[in-house]
Amino acid sequence: AIAKNASGRRLYVPAAVLRELWDYIRVERQELVDSARKRGTYDRIERALVVEEPTVPAVTPSEPGARRRSVETLDPRQRRNLLVRRPDGLEPAALWLNNDGLPLCTHSWQSMFAVANVRCRKAGIGLRAHPHLLRHTYAVVTLEQLQREHTRELNPMTAVQRMSYQQIFGDPLDWVRRRLGHRSVETTFKYLHTLNELAMAARLALVPDHWTAPVGRASDREENQDQ
């Protein structure tokens, strides 16, 4: 329900990032949850949607007569009231929590980026970011890495081997398309264009400052070389 075009997909996270996430879950997040439980924060949530069994992604609404429903059907507003019952008590299903132990809302994320942009500006760093820019960064970096790996693997292969490889592993652009939830690969082409622009910028940055372009027509240069 919350995915782009309502198209669910699997994302891949580096092991190093997962280790940091689990450190946050076991330490910082757990402290926020424990404090909120002592204050009775989760017991006072109106219209709470509770997952009684964490291995079963279905919620039991608190309203009498309400039907159980799959977590996948919940919109962002409903997911803020989504709780999981643990042996020690209730806790939010959301990963990121604020100081009150409740899920971070959209404007909190936007504020974080706004504060970071101000700090960068004060430090003289020419960088400005917003939450949606992370999506673009993910697309460009992933596409670059996939393209690089495909080129490396395909280079020593024969035509038949290349066809078999591409049938098995697919096209990098289409793989990124599915991760982003685009209906058409034409929408994903803009990231390929961005990647090409970055490649050209990198090549230009390698040109020495003292380098000057050749002067004269190609035919003149060829005549000089013959002489």
C-alpha atoms as a PDB file:
ATOM      1  CA  ALA A   1       0.000   0.000   0.000  1.00  0.00           C
ATOM      2  CA  ILE A   2       2.874   2.416   0.664  1.00  0.00           C
ATOM      3  CA  ALA A   3       5.172   1.338  -2.187  1.00  0.00           C
ATOM      4  CA  LYS A   4       5.422   3.405  -5.369  1.00  0.00           C
ATOM      5  CA  ASN A   5       2.632   2.354  -7.733  1.00  0.00           C
ATOM      6  CA  ALA A   6       1.569  -0.119  -4.998  1.00  0.00           C
ATOM      7  CA  SER A   7       4.320  -2.405  -6.283  1.00  0.00           C
ATOM      8  CA  GLY A   8       6.033  -4.286  -3.472  1.00  0.00           C
ATOM      9  CA  ARG A   9       9.644  -5.307  -3.985  1.00  0.00           C
ATOM     10  CA  ARG A  10      12.623  -6.698  -2.124  1.00  0.00           C
ATOM     11  CA  LEU A  11      15.510  -4.394  -1.233  1.00  0.00           C
ATOM     12  CA  TYR A  12      19.067  -5.404  -0.421  1.00  0.00           C
ATOM     13  CA  VAL A  13      21.102  -3.831   2.370  1.00  0.00           C
ATOM     14  CA  PRO A  14      24.877  -4.208   2.897  1.00  0.00           C
ATOM     15  CA  ALA A  15      25.865  -6.327   5.907  1.00  0.00           C
ATOM     16  CA  ALA A  16      27.745  -3.380   7.448  1.00  0.00           C
ATOM     17  CA  VAL A  17      24.555  -1.293   7.438  1.00  0.00           C
ATOM     18  CA  LEU A  18      22.556  -4.161   8.945  1.00  0.00           C
ATOM     19  CA  ARG A  19      25.045  -4.469  11.815  1.00  0.00           C
ATOM     20  CA  GLU A  20      24.616  -0.780  12.626  1.00  0.00           C
ATOM     21  CA  LEU A  21      20.826  -1.122  12.448  1.00  0.00           C
ATOM     22  CA  TRP A  22      20.860  -4.027  14.890  1.00  0.00           C
ATOM     23  CA  ASP A  23      23.088  -2.021  17.258  1.00  0.00           C
ATOM     24  CA  TYR A  24      20.468   0.741  17.158  1.00  0.00           C
ATOM     25  CA  ILE A  25      17.632  -1.762  17.755  1.00  0.00           C
ATOM     26  CA  ARG A  26      19.325  -3.475  20.704  1.00  0.00           C
ATOM     27  CA  VAL A  27      20.563  -0.347  22.459  1.00  0.00           C
ATOM     28  CA  GLU A  28      19.114   3.063  21.575  1.00  0.00           C
ATOM     29  CA  ARG A  29      15.725   1.922  20.325  1.00  0.00           C
ATOM     30  CA  GLN A  30      15.273  -0.494  23.228  1.00  0.00           C
ATOM     31  CA  GLU A  31      15.897   2.292  25.735  1.00  0.00           C
ATOM     32  CA  LEU A  32      13.210   4.432  24.078  1.00  0.00           C
ATOM     33  CA  VAL A  33      10.747   1.514  24.090  1.00  0.00           C
ATOM     34  CA  ASP A  34      11.403   0.684  27.766  1.00  0.00           C
ATOM     35  CA  SER A  35      10.859   4.300  28.820  1.00  0.00           C
ATOM     36  CA  ALA A  36       7.650   4.571  26.793  1.00  0.00           C
ATOM     37  CA  ARG A  37       6.296   1.345  28.318  1.00  0.00           C
ATOM     38  CA  LYS A  38       6.892   2.648  31.833  1.00  0.00           C
ATOM     39  CA  ARG A  39       4.918   5.793  30.973  1.00  0.00           C
ATOM     40  CA  GLY A  40       2.092   3.717  29.460  1.00  0.00           C
ATOM     41  CA  THR A  41       2.528   5.449  26.097  1.00  0.00           C
ATOM     42  CA  TYR A  42       1.536   2.479  23.960  1.00  0.00           C
ATOM     43  CA  ASP A  43      -1.493   1.587  26.091  1.00  0.00           C
ATOM     44  CA  ARG A  44      -2.954   5.050  25.437  1.00  0.00           C
ATOM     45  CA  ILE A  45      -2.735   4.923  21.629  1.00  0.00           C
ATOM     46  CA  GLU A  46      -6.190   5.314  20.138  1.00  0.00           C
ATOM     47  CA  ARG A  47      -7.226   2.981  17.323  1.00  0.00           C
ATOM     48  CA  ALA A  48      -4.163   0.843  17.892  1.00  0.00           C
ATOM     49  CA  LEU A  49      -3.512  -1.931  15.391  1.00  0.00           C
ATOM     50  CA  VAL A  50      -1.801  -4.805  17.162  1.00  0.00           C
ATOM     51  CA  VAL A  51       0.178  -7.658  15.655  1.00  0.00           C
ATOM     52  CA  GLU A  52      -0.360 -10.363  18.255  1.00  0.00           C
ATOM     53  CA  GLU A  53       2.046 -12.839  16.636  1.00  0.00           C
ATOM     54  CA  PRO A  54       5.147 -11.212  15.052  1.00  0.00           C
ATOM     55  CA  THR A  55       5.542 -14.083  12.578  1.00  0.00           C
ATOM     56  CA  VAL A  56       2.007 -13.472  11.230  1.00  0.00           C
ATOM     57  CA  PRO A  57       1.730 -10.087   9.433  1.00  0.00           C
ATOM     58  CA  ALA A  58      -1.883  -9.395  10.410  1.00  0.00           C
ATOM     59  CA  VAL A  59      -3.389  -6.895  12.838  1.00  0.00           C
ATOM     60  CA  THR A  60      -6.263  -7.048  15.270  1.00  0.00           C
ATOM     61  CA  PRO A  61      -7.963  -3.616  15.541  1.00  0.00           C
ATOM     62  CA  SER A  62      -9.063  -2.479  18.984  1.00  0.00           C
ATOM     63  CA  GLU A  63     -12.574  -1.522  17.812  1.00  0.00           C
ATOM     64  CA  PRO A  64     -15.235  -4.162  18.589  1.00  0.00           C
ATOM     65  CA  GLY A  65     -16.326  -6.102  15.534  1.00  0.00           C
ATOM     66  CA  ALA A  66     -13.421  -4.933  13.365  1.00  0.00           C
ATOM     67  CA  ARG A  67     -11.912  -7.557  11.090  1.00  0.00           C
ATOM     68  CA  ARG A  68      -8.277  -8.641  11.060  1.00  0.00           C
ATOM     69  CA  ARG A  69      -6.329  -7.322   8.110  1.00  0.00           C
ATOM     70  CA  SER A  70      -2.932  -7.762   6.521  1.00  0.00           C
ATOM     71  CA  VAL A  71      -0.180  -5.305   7.428  1.00  0.00           C
ATOM     72  CA  GLU A  72       0.485  -4.841   3.710  1.00  0.00           C
ATOM     73  CA  THR A  73      -2.853  -3.056   3.290  1.00  0.00           C
ATOM     74  CA  LEU A  74      -2.152  -0.342   5.885  1.00  0.00           C
ATOM     75  CA  ASP A  75      -1.471   3.204   4.729  1.00  0.00           C
ATOM     76  CA  PRO A  76       1.213   5.439   6.348  1.00  0.00           C
ATOM     77  CA  ARG A  77      -1.228   7.007   8.838  1.00  0.00           C
ATOM     78  CA  GLN A  78      -2.446   3.604  10.037  1.00  0.00           C
ATOM     79  CA  ARG A  79       1.092   2.276  10.333  1.00  0.00           C
ATOM     80  CA  ARG A  80       1.876   4.944  12.921  1.00  0.00           C
ATOM     81  CA  ASN A  81      -0.612   3.090  15.172  1.00  0.00           C
ATOM     82  CA  LEU A  82       0.834  -0.315  14.360  1.00  0.00           C
ATOM     83  CA  LEU A  83       2.114  -2.138  17.462  1.00  0.00           C
ATOM     84  CA  VAL A  84       3.718  -5.542  17.994  1.00  0.00           C
ATOM     85  CA  ARG A  85       3.077  -7.548  21.149  1.00  0.00           C
ATOM     86  CA  ARG A  86       6.337  -8.811  22.637  1.00  0.00           C
ATOM     87  CA  PRO A  87       6.869 -10.869  25.811  1.00  0.00           C
ATOM     88  CA  ASP A  88       7.770  -7.624  27.647  1.00  0.00           C
ATOM     89  CA  GLY A  89       4.815  -5.691  26.275  1.00  0.00           C
ATOM     90  CA  LEU A  90       3.763  -3.637  23.278  1.00  0.00           C
ATOM     91  CA  GLU A  91       6.160  -1.720  21.051  1.00  0.00           C
ATOM     92  CA  PRO A  92       5.850   0.111  17.713  1.00  0.00           C
ATOM     93  CA  ALA A  93       6.347  -1.893  14.558  1.00  0.00           C
ATOM     94  CA  ALA A  94       8.193   1.093  13.049  1.00  0.00           C
ATOM     95  CA  LEU A  95      11.967   0.955  13.147  1.00  0.00           C
ATOM     96  CA  TRP A  96      12.824   4.603  13.790  1.00  0.00           C
ATOM     97  CA  LEU A  97      11.424   6.196  16.955  1.00  0.00           C
ATOM     98  CA  ASN A  98      11.490   9.700  18.403  1.00  0.00           C
ATOM     99  CA  ASN A  99      12.406  10.587  21.996  1.00  0.00           C
ATOM    100  CA  ASP A 100       8.866   9.689  23.140  1.00  0.00           C
ATOM    101  CA  GLY A 101       9.257   6.151  21.781  1.00  0.00           C
ATOM    102  CA  LEU A 102       6.760   6.779  18.979  1.00  0.00           C
ATOM    103  CA  PRO A 103       7.339   6.409  15.212  1.00  0.00           C
ATOM    104  CA  LEU A 104       8.978   9.322  13.469  1.00  0.00           C
ATOM    105  CA  CYS A 105       6.562  11.222  11.242  1.00  0.00           C
ATOM    106  CA  THR A 106       7.237  12.710   7.815  1.00  0.00           C
ATOM    107  CA  HIS A 107       7.950  16.268   8.969  1.00  0.00           C
ATOM    108  CA  SER A 108      10.541  14.949  11.447  1.00  0.00           C
ATOM    109  CA  TRP A 109      12.548  13.416   8.594  1.00  0.00           C
ATOM    110  CA  GLN A 110      12.222  16.617   6.594  1.00  0.00           C
ATOM    111  CA  SER A 111      13.432  18.639   9.579  1.00  0.00           C
ATOM    112  CA  MET A 112      16.507  16.426   9.931  1.00  0.00           C
ATOM    113  CA  PHE A 113      17.510  17.145   6.345  1.00  0.00           C
ATOM    114  CA  ALA A 114      16.775  20.862   6.781  1.00  0.00           C
ATOM    115  CA  VAL A 115      19.047  21.042   9.843  1.00  0.00           C
ATOM    116  CA  ALA A 116      21.776  19.076   8.037  1.00  0.00           C
ATOM    117  CA  ASN A 117      21.571  21.454   5.062  1.00  0.00           C
ATOM    118  CA  VAL A 118      21.985  24.462   7.362  1.00  0.00           C
ATOM    119  CA  ARG A 119      25.034  22.880   9.018  1.00  0.00           C
ATOM    120  CA  CYS A 120      26.596  22.152   5.629  1.00  0.00           C
ATOM    121  CA  ARG A 121      25.988  25.719   4.486  1.00  0.00           C
ATOM    122  CA  LYS A 122      27.557  27.157   7.637  1.00  0.00           C
ATOM    123  CA  ALA A 123      30.561  24.851   7.206  1.00  0.00           C
ATOM    124  CA  GLY A 124      31.008  26.004   3.616  1.00  0.00           C
ATOM    125  CA  ILE A 125      30.112  22.603   2.181  1.00  0.00           C
ATOM    126  CA  GLY A 126      28.345  22.867  -1.154  1.00  0.00           C
ATOM    127  CA  LEU A 127      25.854  20.093  -0.461  1.00  0.00           C
ATOM    128  CA  ARG A 128      22.079  20.133  -0.154  1.00  0.00           C
ATOM    129  CA  ALA A 129      19.915  17.047   0.205  1.00  0.00           C
ATOM    130  CA  HIS A 130      16.301  16.079   0.801  1.00  0.00           C
ATOM    131  CA  PRO A 131      14.686  12.700   1.611  1.00  0.00           C
ATOM    132  CA  HIS A 132      13.691  11.925  -1.982  1.00  0.00           C
ATOM    133  CA  LEU A 133      17.272  12.517  -3.105  1.00  0.00           C
ATOM    134  CA  LEU A 134      18.230   9.287  -1.310  1.00  0.00           C
ATOM    135  CA  ARG A 135      16.082   7.431  -3.834  1.00  0.00           C
ATOM    136  CA  HIS A 136      17.963   9.016  -6.730  1.00  0.00           C
ATOM    137  CA  THR A 137      21.318   8.272  -5.091  1.00  0.00           C
ATOM    138  CA  TYR A 138      20.328   4.650  -4.550  1.00  0.00           C
ATOM    139  CA  ALA A 139      19.292   4.311  -8.196  1.00  0.00           C
ATOM    140  CA  VAL A 140      22.456   5.860  -9.657  1.00  0.00           C
ATOM    141  CA  VAL A 141      24.888   4.037  -7.357  1.00  0.00           C
ATOM    142  CA  THR A 142      23.154   0.681  -7.818  1.00  0.00           C
ATOM    143  CA  LEU A 143      23.002   1.082 -11.579  1.00  0.00           C
ATOM    144  CA  GLU A 144      26.687   2.041 -11.721  1.00  0.00           C
ATOM    145  CA  GLN A 145      27.749  -0.995  -9.700  1.00  0.00           C
ATOM    146  CA  LEU A 146      25.576  -3.391 -11.705  1.00  0.00           C
ATOM    147  CA  GLN A 147      26.800  -1.979 -15.006  1.00  0.00           C
ATOM    148  CA  ARG A 148      30.412  -2.275 -13.871  1.00  0.00           C
ATOM    149  CA  GLU A 149      29.932  -5.888 -12.740  1.00  0.00           C
ATOM    150  CA  HIS A 150      28.094  -6.880 -15.918  1.00  0.00           C
ATOM    151  CA  THR A 151      30.795  -5.338 -18.091  1.00  0.00           C
ATOM    152  CA  ARG A 152      33.515  -7.149 -16.184  1.00  0.00           C
ATOM    153  CA  GLU A 153      31.727 -10.507 -16.450  1.00  0.00           C
ATOM    154  CA  LEU A 154      30.644 -10.163 -20.079  1.00  0.00           C
ATOM    155  CA  ASN A 155      33.954  -8.933 -21.453  1.00  0.00           C
ATOM    156  CA  PRO A 156      35.726 -12.336 -21.776  1.00  0.00           C
ATOM    157  CA  MET A 157      32.594 -14.236 -22.862  1.00  0.00           C
ATOM    158  CA  THR A 158      31.494 -15.405 -26.266  1.00  0.00           C
ATOM    159  CA  ALA A 159      28.218 -14.197 -27.791  1.00  0.00           C
ATOM    160  CA  VAL A 160      26.409 -17.363 -26.675  1.00  0.00           C
ATOM    161  CA  GLN A 161      27.789 -17.100 -23.137  1.00  0.00           C
ATOM    162  CA  ARG A 162      26.773 -13.459 -22.940  1.00  0.00           C
ATOM    163  CA  MET A 163      23.225 -14.303 -23.951  1.00  0.00           C
ATOM    164  CA  SER A 164      23.000 -17.002 -21.272  1.00  0.00           C
ATOM    165  CA  TYR A 165      24.430 -14.655 -18.640  1.00  0.00           C
ATOM    166  CA  GLN A 166      21.967 -11.882 -19.471  1.00  0.00           C
ATOM    167  CA  GLN A 167      19.046 -14.322 -19.442  1.00  0.00           C
ATOM    168  CA  ILE A 168      20.025 -15.454 -15.949  1.00  0.00           C
ATOM    169  CA  PHE A 169      20.975 -12.141 -14.337  1.00  0.00           C
ATOM    170  CA  GLY A 170      18.843  -9.808 -16.431  1.00  0.00           C
ATOM    171  CA  ASP A 171      19.467  -6.241 -17.504  1.00  0.00           C
ATOM    172  CA  PRO A 172      20.864  -3.823 -14.859  1.00  0.00           C
ATOM    173  CA  LEU A 173      18.465  -1.085 -15.926  1.00  0.00           C
ATOM    174  CA  ASP A 174      15.442  -3.376 -15.589  1.00  0.00           C
ATOM    175  CA  TRP A 175      16.691  -4.611 -12.195  1.00  0.00           C
ATOM    176  CA  VAL A 176      16.830  -1.011 -10.922  1.00  0.00           C
ATOM    177  CA  ARG A 177      13.416  -0.345 -12.468  1.00  0.00           C
ATOM    178  CA  ARG A 178      11.856  -3.122 -10.420  1.00  0.00           C
ATOM    179  CA  ARG A 179      13.557  -1.919  -7.232  1.00  0.00           C
ATOM    180  CA  LEU A 180      12.179   1.595  -7.772  1.00  0.00           C
ATOM    181  CA  GLY A 181       8.692   0.403  -8.682  1.00  0.00           C
ATOM    182  CA  HIS A 182       8.616   1.986 -12.144  1.00  0.00           C
ATOM    183  CA  ARG A 183       6.038   0.547 -14.522  1.00  0.00           C
ATOM    184  CA  SER A 184       8.151   1.296 -17.590  1.00  0.00           C
ATOM    185  CA  VAL A 185      11.912   1.082 -18.049  1.00  0.00           C
ATOM    186  CA  GLU A 186      11.700   4.386 -19.939  1.00  0.00           C
ATOM    187  CA  THR A 187      11.133   6.118 -16.600  1.00  0.00           C
ATOM    188  CA  THR A 188      14.347   4.586 -15.285  1.00  0.00           C
ATOM    189  CA  PHE A 189      16.356   5.847 -18.267  1.00  0.00           C
ATOM    190  CA  LYS A 190      16.875   9.205 -16.536  1.00  0.00           C
ATOM    191  CA  TYR A 191      19.205   7.507 -14.053  1.00  0.00           C
ATOM    192  CA  LEU A 192      21.232   6.084 -16.922  1.00  0.00           C
ATOM    193  CA  HIS A 193      21.540   9.601 -18.326  1.00  0.00           C
ATOM    194  CA  THR A 194      22.646  10.851 -14.895  1.00  0.00           C
ATOM    195  CA  LEU A 195      25.246   8.104 -14.731  1.00  0.00           C
ATOM    196  CA  ASN A 196      26.583   9.075 -18.147  1.00  0.00           C
ATOM    197  CA  GLU A 197      26.791  12.720 -17.099  1.00  0.00           C
ATOM    198  CA  LEU A 198      28.726  11.768 -13.964  1.00  0.00           C
ATOM    199  CA  ALA A 199      31.114   9.657 -16.035  1.00  0.00           C
ATOM    200  CA  MET A 200      31.795  12.574 -18.379  1.00  0.00           C
ATOM    201  CA  ALA A 201      32.313  14.952 -15.446  1.00  0.00           C
ATOM    202  CA  ALA A 202      34.827  12.519 -13.970  1.00  0.00           C
ATOM    203  CA  ARG A 203      36.710  12.303 -17.280  1.00  0.00           C
ATOM    204  CA  LEU A 204      36.845  16.086 -17.601  1.00  0.00           C
ATOM    205  CA  ALA A 205      38.140  16.388 -14.042  1.00  0.00           C
ATOM    206  CA  LEU A 206      41.116  14.225 -15.035  1.00  0.00           C
ATOM    207  CA  VAL A 207      42.162  16.598 -17.836  1.00  0.00           C
ATOM    208  CA  PRO A 208      45.329  18.518 -16.738  1.00  0.00           C
ATOM    209  CA  ASP A 209      44.942  22.272 -16.275  1.00  0.00           C
ATOM    210  CA  HIS A 210      47.803  22.957 -18.707  1.00  0.00           C
ATOM    211  CA  TRP A 211      46.261  20.807 -21.466  1.00  0.00           C
ATOM    212  CA  THR A 212      45.285  22.651 -24.655  1.00  0.00           C
ATOM    213  CA  ALA A 213      43.165  21.337 -27.500  1.00  0.00           C
ATOM    214  CA  PRO A 214      44.875  20.563 -30.844  1.00  0.00           C
ATOM    215  CA  VAL A 215      44.722  23.476 -33.278  1.00  0.00           C
ATOM    216  CA  GLY A 216      44.000  23.137 -36.987  1.00  0.00           C
ATOM    217  CA  ARG A 217      42.090  20.770 -39.225  1.00  0.00           C
ATOM    218  CA  ALA A 218      42.525  17.019 -39.065  1.00  0.00           C
ATOM    219  CA  SER A 219      43.860  17.011 -42.630  1.00  0.00           C
ATOM    220  CA  ASP A 220      46.528  19.578 -41.693  1.00  0.00           C
ATOM    221  CA  ARG A 221      47.653  17.457 -38.768  1.00  0.00           C
ATOM    222  CA  GLU A 222      47.849  14.375 -40.989  1.00  0.00           C
ATOM    223  CA  GLU A 223      49.996  16.270 -43.538  1.00  0.00           C
ATOM    224  CA  ASN A 224      52.348  17.412 -40.773  1.00  0.00           C
ATOM    225  CA  GLN A 225      52.655  13.849 -39.509  1.00  0.00           C
ATOM    226  CA  ASP A 226      53.512  12.622 -43.044  1.00  0.00           C
ATOM    227  CA  GLN A 227      56.230  15.252 -43.332  1.00  0.00           C
END
